[in-house]
N, C-alpha and C. Protein backbone atom coordinates (compact mmCIF):
# COMPACT_ATOMS: atom_id res chain seq x y z
N UNK A 1 74.67 -23.39 -45.24
CA UNK A 1 73.52 -23.51 -44.60
C UNK A 1 72.74 -22.42 -44.79
N UNK A 2 71.51 -22.35 -45.31
CA UNK A 2 70.87 -21.00 -45.14
C UNK A 2 69.94 -21.27 -44.39
N UNK A 3 69.11 -19.79 -44.22
CA UNK A 3 67.78 -19.88 -43.56
C UNK A 3 66.57 -20.40 -43.91
N UNK A 4 66.72 -20.89 -45.31
CA UNK A 4 65.28 -21.36 -46.06
C UNK A 4 65.69 -22.58 -46.01
N UNK A 5 66.87 -22.91 -45.58
CA UNK A 5 67.24 -24.63 -45.54
C UNK A 5 67.02 -25.49 -43.90
N UNK A 6 66.76 -24.08 -42.92
CA UNK A 6 66.74 -25.12 -41.56
C UNK A 6 65.32 -26.02 -41.55
N UNK A 7 65.14 -26.86 -40.64
CA UNK A 7 64.32 -27.67 -40.60
C UNK A 7 64.36 -28.57 -39.58
N UNK A 8 63.23 -28.77 -38.57
CA UNK A 8 62.97 -29.67 -37.49
C UNK A 8 63.64 -31.18 -37.93
N UNK A 9 64.25 -31.40 -36.61
CA UNK A 9 64.65 -32.87 -36.42
C UNK A 9 63.52 -33.64 -37.03
N UNK A 10 63.77 -34.95 -37.44
CA UNK A 10 63.03 -35.83 -38.30
C UNK A 10 61.97 -36.06 -36.56
N UNK A 11 60.83 -35.84 -36.86
CA UNK A 11 60.28 -36.75 -35.74
C UNK A 11 59.79 -35.38 -34.34
N UNK A 12 60.44 -34.34 -34.57
CA UNK A 12 60.40 -32.99 -33.59
C UNK A 12 58.63 -32.79 -33.77
N UNK A 13 58.19 -32.71 -34.52
CA UNK A 13 56.85 -31.55 -34.94
C UNK A 13 56.03 -32.80 -35.34
N UNK A 14 55.16 -33.03 -34.70
CA UNK A 14 53.80 -34.12 -34.84
C UNK A 14 52.18 -33.06 -35.60
N UNK A 15 51.84 -33.13 -36.47
CA UNK A 15 50.69 -32.59 -37.00
C UNK A 15 49.57 -32.94 -35.97
N UNK A 16 48.78 -32.27 -35.67
CA UNK A 16 47.81 -32.22 -34.69
C UNK A 16 47.06 -33.11 -35.55
N UNK A 17 45.99 -34.19 -34.49
CA UNK A 17 44.49 -34.88 -35.33
C UNK A 17 43.74 -33.99 -35.26
N UNK A 18 43.28 -33.53 -36.40
CA UNK A 18 42.02 -32.65 -36.51
C UNK A 18 40.90 -33.42 -37.04
N UNK A 19 40.16 -33.61 -35.44
CA UNK A 19 38.81 -34.85 -35.95
C UNK A 19 37.66 -34.20 -36.03
N UNK A 20 36.80 -34.63 -36.08
CA UNK A 20 35.19 -34.38 -36.98
C UNK A 20 35.25 -33.50 -37.96
N UNK A 21 36.27 -33.66 -39.17
CA UNK A 21 36.47 -32.79 -40.56
C UNK A 21 36.26 -34.20 -41.51
N UNK A 22 35.07 -34.95 -41.20
CA UNK A 22 34.59 -36.08 -42.39
C UNK A 22 35.00 -37.20 -41.88
N UNK A 23 34.37 -38.12 -43.21
CA UNK A 23 34.44 -39.48 -42.51
C UNK A 23 36.19 -39.79 -43.43
N UNK A 24 36.48 -39.34 -44.54
CA UNK A 24 37.87 -39.67 -44.99
C UNK A 24 38.75 -39.13 -44.16
N UNK A 25 38.68 -38.96 -42.82
CA UNK A 25 39.90 -38.38 -42.23
C UNK A 25 40.31 -39.62 -41.17
N UNK A 26 39.55 -40.56 -41.15
CA UNK A 26 39.61 -41.29 -40.16
C UNK A 26 38.61 -40.91 -38.91
N UNK A 27 38.64 -39.73 -38.56
CA UNK A 27 38.21 -39.48 -36.77
C UNK A 27 36.53 -38.21 -37.69
N UNK A 28 36.13 -38.90 -38.10
CA UNK A 28 35.03 -37.91 -38.42
C UNK A 28 33.83 -38.51 -38.24
N UNK A 29 32.55 -37.58 -38.02
CA UNK A 29 31.24 -37.86 -37.21
C UNK A 29 31.63 -38.15 -35.87
N UNK A 30 31.54 -38.76 -35.35
CA UNK A 30 31.52 -38.67 -33.76
C UNK A 30 33.17 -38.29 -33.23
N UNK A 31 33.89 -38.26 -34.03
CA UNK A 31 35.77 -37.92 -33.79
C UNK A 31 36.20 -39.02 -32.90
N UNK A 32 36.06 -40.20 -32.74
CA UNK A 32 36.72 -41.08 -31.95
C UNK A 32 35.71 -41.04 -30.58
N UNK A 33 35.05 -40.26 -30.52
CA UNK A 33 34.69 -40.72 -29.21
C UNK A 33 33.26 -41.65 -28.85
N UNK A 34 32.50 -42.61 -29.16
CA UNK A 34 31.74 -43.47 -29.90
C UNK A 34 30.48 -42.75 -29.82
N UNK A 35 29.45 -43.62 -29.50
CA UNK A 35 27.85 -42.71 -29.86
C UNK A 35 27.18 -42.23 -28.39
N UNK A 36 26.62 -41.68 -28.04
CA UNK A 36 25.88 -41.13 -26.76
C UNK A 36 27.14 -41.37 -25.37
N UNK A 37 26.10 -41.06 -24.39
CA UNK A 37 27.09 -41.19 -23.17
C UNK A 37 27.36 -40.21 -22.02
N UNK A 38 28.00 -39.91 -21.32
CA UNK A 38 28.30 -38.70 -20.67
C UNK A 38 29.87 -38.58 -21.43
N UNK A 39 30.61 -39.95 -21.92
CA UNK A 39 32.17 -39.50 -22.35
C UNK A 39 31.70 -38.50 -23.83
N UNK A 40 31.03 -38.73 -24.18
CA UNK A 40 30.45 -38.25 -26.11
C UNK A 40 30.07 -36.96 -25.83
N UNK A 41 29.54 -36.11 -24.76
CA UNK A 41 29.30 -34.97 -24.76
C UNK A 41 30.51 -33.89 -24.38
N UNK A 42 31.09 -32.78 -24.67
CA UNK A 42 32.13 -32.09 -24.04
C UNK A 42 32.08 -31.31 -22.91
N UNK A 43 32.96 -31.57 -22.08
CA UNK A 43 33.32 -30.86 -20.88
C UNK A 43 32.59 -31.81 -19.63
N UNK A 44 32.07 -32.80 -19.81
CA UNK A 44 31.45 -33.67 -18.96
C UNK A 44 32.06 -35.09 -18.30
N UNK A 45 33.14 -35.06 -18.67
CA UNK A 45 33.95 -36.41 -18.18
C UNK A 45 34.71 -36.41 -16.59
N UNK A 46 33.63 -36.87 -15.79
CA UNK A 46 33.67 -37.00 -14.61
C UNK A 46 34.89 -37.77 -13.87
N UNK A 47 36.01 -36.71 -13.07
CA UNK A 47 36.89 -37.89 -12.80
C UNK A 47 36.49 -38.32 -11.44
N UNK A 48 37.13 -39.67 -11.31
CA UNK A 48 36.68 -40.88 -9.90
C UNK A 48 35.49 -41.38 -9.93
N UNK A 49 34.36 -41.05 -11.01
CA UNK A 49 32.79 -41.00 -11.29
C UNK A 49 33.42 -42.66 -11.98
N UNK A 50 32.63 -43.58 -10.95
CA UNK A 50 32.98 -45.14 -11.64
C UNK A 50 31.12 -45.64 -12.38
N UNK A 51 30.35 -44.83 -12.70
CA UNK A 51 29.41 -45.17 -13.46
C UNK A 51 28.42 -45.75 -12.29
N UNK A 52 28.11 -45.08 -11.23
CA UNK A 52 27.29 -45.27 -10.13
C UNK A 52 27.60 -46.14 -8.78
N UNK A 53 28.71 -46.95 -9.49
CA UNK A 53 29.50 -48.13 -8.08
C UNK A 53 30.27 -46.91 -6.96
N UNK A 54 30.16 -47.40 -6.12
CA UNK A 54 31.04 -46.47 -5.01
C UNK A 54 32.45 -46.40 -4.95
N UNK A 55 32.89 -45.16 -5.61
CA UNK A 55 34.19 -44.73 -5.98
C UNK A 55 35.13 -45.38 -4.96
N UNK A 56 36.36 -45.92 -5.51
CA UNK A 56 37.25 -46.17 -4.49
C UNK A 56 37.99 -45.42 -3.49
N UNK A 57 37.96 -43.91 -3.70
CA UNK A 57 38.34 -43.18 -2.52
C UNK A 57 37.46 -43.33 -1.44
N UNK A 58 35.84 -43.66 -2.08
CA UNK A 58 34.88 -43.29 -0.85
C UNK A 58 35.16 -44.87 -0.15
N UNK A 59 35.53 -46.02 -0.89
CA UNK A 59 35.64 -47.22 -0.47
C UNK A 59 36.90 -47.81 1.04
N UNK A 60 37.73 -46.80 0.58
CA UNK A 60 38.64 -46.77 1.41
C UNK A 60 38.81 -46.41 2.45
N UNK A 61 38.95 -47.00 3.93
CA UNK A 61 38.65 -46.53 5.01
C UNK A 61 39.50 -45.18 5.28
N UNK A 62 38.57 -44.67 6.23
CA UNK A 62 39.74 -42.83 6.45
C UNK A 62 40.64 -43.30 7.85
N UNK A 63 41.73 -42.62 7.73
CA UNK A 63 42.85 -42.76 8.93
C UNK A 63 43.27 -41.14 9.50
N UNK A 64 42.92 -41.76 10.90
CA UNK A 64 43.76 -40.18 11.39
C UNK A 64 43.36 -39.23 11.64
N UNK A 65 43.72 -37.98 11.89
CA UNK A 65 43.15 -36.72 12.21
C UNK A 65 44.14 -35.48 12.03
N UNK A 66 43.87 -34.55 11.61
CA UNK A 66 44.46 -33.59 11.43
C UNK A 66 43.93 -32.33 12.01
N UNK A 67 44.81 -31.60 13.40
CA UNK A 67 44.62 -31.09 13.97
C UNK A 67 44.47 -29.74 13.25
N UNK A 68 43.45 -28.63 13.17
CA UNK A 68 43.36 -27.54 13.13
C UNK A 68 44.10 -26.69 13.40
N UNK A 69 44.45 -26.03 14.40
CA UNK A 69 45.41 -25.44 15.41
C UNK A 69 46.65 -26.16 15.43
N UNK A 70 47.05 -27.31 14.50
CA UNK A 70 48.85 -27.49 14.95
C UNK A 70 49.58 -26.29 14.90
N UNK A 71 50.59 -26.49 15.69
CA UNK A 71 51.68 -25.30 15.08
C UNK A 71 52.64 -26.04 14.35
N UNK A 72 53.03 -25.64 13.47
CA UNK A 72 54.44 -25.64 12.70
C UNK A 72 55.69 -24.86 12.61
N UNK A 73 56.29 -25.87 13.53
CA UNK A 73 58.05 -25.28 13.38
C UNK A 73 58.98 -25.07 12.56
N UNK A 74 59.54 -24.38 12.71
CA UNK A 74 60.91 -24.26 11.80
C UNK A 74 62.10 -25.15 12.25
N UNK A 75 62.46 -26.20 11.86
CA UNK A 75 63.51 -27.03 12.60
C UNK A 75 65.31 -26.41 12.14
N UNK A 76 66.06 -26.13 13.39
CA UNK A 76 67.23 -26.52 13.25
C UNK A 76 67.99 -26.89 13.92
N UNK A 77 69.12 -27.50 13.25
CA UNK A 77 70.14 -28.40 14.21
C UNK A 77 71.34 -27.97 14.55
N UNK A 78 71.85 -28.17 15.77
CA UNK A 78 72.76 -27.54 16.39
C UNK A 78 74.06 -27.90 15.62
N UNK A 79 74.05 -28.99 14.79
CA UNK A 79 75.51 -28.74 13.67
C UNK A 79 75.41 -27.84 12.94
N UNK A 80 73.84 -27.89 12.39
CA UNK A 80 73.94 -26.18 10.94
C UNK A 80 74.12 -24.87 11.66
N UNK A 81 73.73 -25.05 13.35
CA UNK A 81 74.17 -23.77 14.10
C UNK A 81 75.80 -23.47 14.26
N UNK A 82 76.39 -24.70 14.20
CA UNK A 82 78.04 -24.70 14.45
C UNK A 82 78.62 -24.20 13.44
N UNK A 83 78.02 -24.74 12.02
CA UNK A 83 78.66 -24.37 10.65
C UNK A 83 78.71 -22.73 10.33
N UNK A 84 77.48 -22.52 10.81
CA UNK A 84 77.07 -20.89 10.41
C UNK A 84 78.15 -20.26 11.30
N UNK A 85 77.99 -20.39 12.28
CA UNK A 85 79.16 -19.53 13.40
C UNK A 85 80.69 -19.74 12.82
N UNK A 86 81.14 -20.99 12.41
CA UNK A 86 82.19 -21.15 11.91
C UNK A 86 82.77 -20.37 10.67
N UNK A 87 81.56 -20.32 9.54
CA UNK A 87 81.53 -19.75 8.03
C UNK A 87 81.30 -17.98 8.81
N UNK A 88 81.22 -17.89 9.88
CA UNK A 88 80.95 -16.46 10.01
C UNK A 88 79.70 -15.80 9.57
N UNK A 89 78.68 -16.22 9.61
CA UNK A 89 77.49 -16.09 8.97
C UNK A 89 76.40 -15.57 10.75
N UNK A 90 77.09 -15.81 11.42
CA UNK A 90 76.44 -15.82 13.01
C UNK A 90 77.58 -15.66 14.00
N UNK A 91 77.17 -14.61 14.64
CA UNK A 91 78.51 -14.39 15.77
C UNK A 91 78.31 -14.91 17.00
N UNK A 92 78.84 -15.88 17.48
CA UNK A 92 78.92 -16.35 18.65
C UNK A 92 78.58 -15.86 19.85
N UNK A 93 79.44 -14.58 19.81
CA UNK A 93 79.43 -13.59 20.98
C UNK A 93 78.09 -12.98 21.46
N UNK A 94 77.33 -12.53 20.41
CA UNK A 94 76.33 -11.89 20.50
C UNK A 94 74.87 -12.65 20.68
N UNK A 95 73.75 -12.36 21.18
CA UNK A 95 72.48 -13.52 21.58
C UNK A 95 72.16 -13.66 20.41
N UNK A 96 71.67 -15.31 20.23
CA UNK A 96 71.42 -15.46 18.84
C UNK A 96 69.86 -15.47 19.06
N UNK A 97 69.04 -15.02 18.48
CA UNK A 97 67.51 -15.03 17.81
C UNK A 97 66.73 -15.27 17.03
N UNK A 98 65.95 -15.52 17.12
CA UNK A 98 64.72 -16.33 15.60
C UNK A 98 64.94 -15.27 14.44
N UNK A 99 65.07 -14.27 14.83
CA UNK A 99 64.93 -13.07 13.99
C UNK A 99 66.60 -13.14 13.04
N UNK A 100 67.54 -13.42 13.95
CA UNK A 100 68.90 -13.48 13.41
C UNK A 100 69.22 -14.75 12.60
N UNK A 101 68.58 -16.10 13.02
CA UNK A 101 68.60 -16.98 12.05
C UNK A 101 68.06 -16.72 10.96
N UNK A 102 66.91 -16.22 10.54
CA UNK A 102 66.08 -16.26 9.82
C UNK A 102 66.93 -15.26 8.71
N UNK A 103 67.42 -14.06 9.05
CA UNK A 103 68.57 -12.80 8.28
C UNK A 103 69.65 -13.33 7.94
N UNK A 104 70.15 -14.58 8.60
CA UNK A 104 71.52 -15.10 8.25
C UNK A 104 71.03 -16.33 6.95
N UNK A 105 70.20 -16.49 7.17
CA UNK A 105 69.87 -17.33 6.14
C UNK A 105 69.59 -18.90 6.36
N UNK A 106 69.66 -18.91 7.97
CA UNK A 106 69.72 -20.71 8.33
C UNK A 106 68.47 -21.31 8.04
N UNK A 107 67.53 -20.32 8.44
CA UNK A 107 66.08 -20.34 8.33
C UNK A 107 65.12 -19.68 7.65
N UNK A 108 64.64 -20.26 6.92
CA UNK A 108 63.35 -19.56 5.57
C UNK A 108 62.51 -18.65 6.26
N UNK A 109 61.64 -18.95 6.97
CA UNK A 109 60.84 -18.80 7.46
C UNK A 109 60.50 -19.04 9.23
N UNK A 110 59.91 -18.04 10.48
CA UNK A 110 60.10 -18.76 11.45
C UNK A 110 58.34 -19.60 11.34
N UNK A 111 57.82 -19.10 10.82
CA UNK A 111 56.49 -19.97 11.03
C UNK A 111 55.74 -19.79 11.97
N UNK A 112 55.36 -20.75 12.79
CA UNK A 112 55.23 -20.76 14.55
C UNK A 112 56.04 -20.44 15.40
N UNK A 113 57.19 -20.26 14.95
CA UNK A 113 58.59 -20.27 15.90
C UNK A 113 59.36 -21.37 15.19
N UNK A 114 61.11 -20.92 15.70
CA UNK A 114 61.64 -22.20 15.69
C UNK A 114 61.86 -22.98 16.57
N UNK A 115 62.32 -23.77 16.42
CA UNK A 115 63.16 -25.35 17.12
C UNK A 115 64.34 -25.87 17.11
N UNK A 116 64.86 -25.81 18.02
CA UNK A 116 66.51 -26.50 18.14
C UNK A 116 66.37 -27.76 18.13
N UNK A 117 67.12 -28.82 17.29
CA UNK A 117 67.26 -30.25 17.39
C UNK A 117 68.61 -30.32 17.94
N UNK A 118 68.97 -31.54 18.54
CA UNK A 118 70.36 -31.83 18.81
C UNK A 118 71.14 -32.32 18.08
N UNK A 119 70.49 -32.79 16.48
CA UNK A 119 71.72 -33.29 15.62
C UNK A 119 72.72 -32.73 15.41
N UNK A 120 74.12 -33.08 15.37
CA UNK A 120 75.05 -32.54 14.95
C UNK A 120 75.71 -32.26 16.69
N UNK A 121 77.49 -31.55 16.39
CA UNK A 121 78.17 -31.18 17.92
C UNK A 121 78.03 -29.52 17.77
N UNK A 122 77.97 -28.84 19.04
CA UNK A 122 77.86 -27.88 19.31
C UNK A 122 79.44 -27.38 20.21
N UNK A 123 80.54 -26.92 19.49
CA UNK A 123 81.39 -26.35 20.43
C UNK A 123 81.81 -25.23 20.71
N UNK A 124 80.78 -24.41 20.24
CA UNK A 124 80.58 -22.61 20.28
C UNK A 124 80.20 -22.71 21.50
N UNK A 125 80.49 -21.66 22.66
CA UNK A 125 79.36 -20.94 23.62
C UNK A 125 78.26 -19.92 23.03
N UNK A 126 77.38 -20.63 22.90
CA UNK A 126 76.58 -19.35 22.52
C UNK A 126 74.97 -19.27 23.57
N UNK A 127 74.47 -18.37 23.38
CA UNK A 127 73.25 -18.01 24.07
C UNK A 127 72.20 -17.67 23.16
N UNK A 128 71.42 -18.55 22.94
CA UNK A 128 69.94 -18.82 21.89
C UNK A 128 68.84 -18.86 22.82
N UNK A 129 68.19 -17.84 21.91
CA UNK A 129 66.76 -17.78 22.79
C UNK A 129 65.80 -18.33 21.12
N UNK A 130 65.06 -19.24 21.69
CA UNK A 130 64.02 -20.02 20.48
C UNK A 130 62.51 -19.91 21.19
N UNK A 131 61.70 -20.70 20.41
CA UNK A 131 60.35 -21.19 21.00
C UNK A 131 60.18 -22.28 21.31
N UNK A 132 61.28 -23.19 20.92
CA UNK A 132 61.10 -24.46 21.59
C UNK A 132 62.52 -25.44 20.97
N UNK A 133 62.72 -26.02 22.20
CA UNK A 133 64.22 -27.25 21.98
C UNK A 133 64.01 -28.33 22.37
N UNK A 134 64.88 -29.45 22.01
CA UNK A 134 64.36 -30.99 22.30
C UNK A 134 65.16 -30.54 23.80
N UNK A 135 65.06 -31.29 25.01
CA UNK A 135 65.86 -31.73 25.72
C UNK A 135 67.11 -31.96 25.64
N UNK A 136 67.65 -32.80 24.96
CA UNK A 136 69.09 -33.00 24.62
C UNK A 136 69.58 -31.92 24.03
N UNK A 137 69.07 -30.84 23.08
CA UNK A 137 69.90 -29.57 22.55
C UNK A 137 69.97 -28.87 23.93
N UNK A 138 69.23 -28.76 24.74
CA UNK A 138 69.28 -27.62 26.03
C UNK A 138 70.59 -28.50 26.65
N UNK A 139 70.52 -29.33 27.05
CA UNK A 139 71.52 -30.28 27.53
C UNK A 139 72.94 -29.89 27.00
N UNK A 140 72.72 -30.10 25.43
CA UNK A 140 73.97 -29.76 24.84
C UNK A 140 74.82 -28.36 25.02
N UNK A 141 73.78 -27.46 24.92
CA UNK A 141 74.30 -26.05 24.82
C UNK A 141 74.59 -25.88 25.95
N UNK A 142 74.30 -26.35 27.19
CA UNK A 142 74.96 -26.08 28.33
C UNK A 142 75.65 -26.91 28.63
N UNK A 143 76.36 -28.18 28.01
CA UNK A 143 77.84 -28.78 28.35
C UNK A 143 78.62 -27.93 27.44
N UNK A 144 78.49 -26.97 26.27
CA UNK A 144 79.45 -26.38 25.42
C UNK A 144 79.53 -24.76 26.39
N UNK A 145 79.20 -24.48 27.60
CA UNK A 145 79.20 -23.59 27.94
C UNK A 145 78.26 -22.68 27.81
N UNK A 146 77.05 -22.55 26.86
CA UNK A 146 76.29 -21.05 26.81
C UNK A 146 75.08 -21.72 27.35
N UNK A 147 73.67 -20.99 27.06
CA UNK A 147 72.45 -21.34 27.51
C UNK A 147 71.34 -21.22 26.43
N UNK A 148 70.44 -22.14 26.43
CA UNK A 148 69.33 -22.20 25.61
C UNK A 148 68.00 -21.82 26.39
N UNK A 149 67.55 -20.38 26.15
CA UNK A 149 66.26 -20.23 26.51
C UNK A 149 65.26 -20.13 25.81
N UNK A 150 63.80 -21.03 26.52
CA UNK A 150 62.87 -20.95 25.83
C UNK A 150 61.91 -19.72 25.82
N UNK A 151 61.38 -19.08 24.39
CA UNK A 151 60.79 -17.89 24.58
C UNK A 151 59.20 -18.22 24.72
N UNK A 152 58.95 -19.73 24.83
CA UNK A 152 57.21 -20.30 24.71
C UNK A 152 57.24 -20.83 26.02
N UNK A 153 56.44 -21.58 26.46
CA UNK A 153 56.11 -22.76 27.47
C UNK A 153 56.08 -23.82 26.70
N UNK A 154 56.05 -24.01 25.58
CA UNK A 154 56.30 -25.49 25.10
C UNK A 154 57.55 -25.81 24.86
N UNK A 155 58.11 -26.83 25.49
CA UNK A 155 59.74 -27.03 25.64
C UNK A 155 60.29 -28.42 25.02
N UNK A 156 58.69 -29.58 24.99
CA UNK A 156 59.02 -30.86 24.55
C UNK A 156 59.47 -31.05 23.31
């Protein structure tokens, strides 16, 4: 095989249809856009426009409310903390803070704080300080012999 014999696979390359290049091309004159109207003009086909009829997105009922000042927490489960301690990425003897969780790679970013949930088991005795935690997570850490302190007032 030589360089001049190289070809694309059959059907891999399709020639672009050249519109408005004469009636013989099959797409001449109006270039397949029909005659007059909004869609025949260049750059003015409006998405969601239904010819004056009330558009679907306006006909459907609106539901719910998005709180503009809501808090978004990074969520950590106790089982994952235990895995990181077993892997040696976290030291159970030192106090575990939010910055330490980010540093170890357990949490990507703190957002508005870190919230600990009780999914999984914790066997290590740890002292952890985070923004929030579930009641069951606090109990699980206490049962393992450690302590979980909250750095802010919200604990629900």
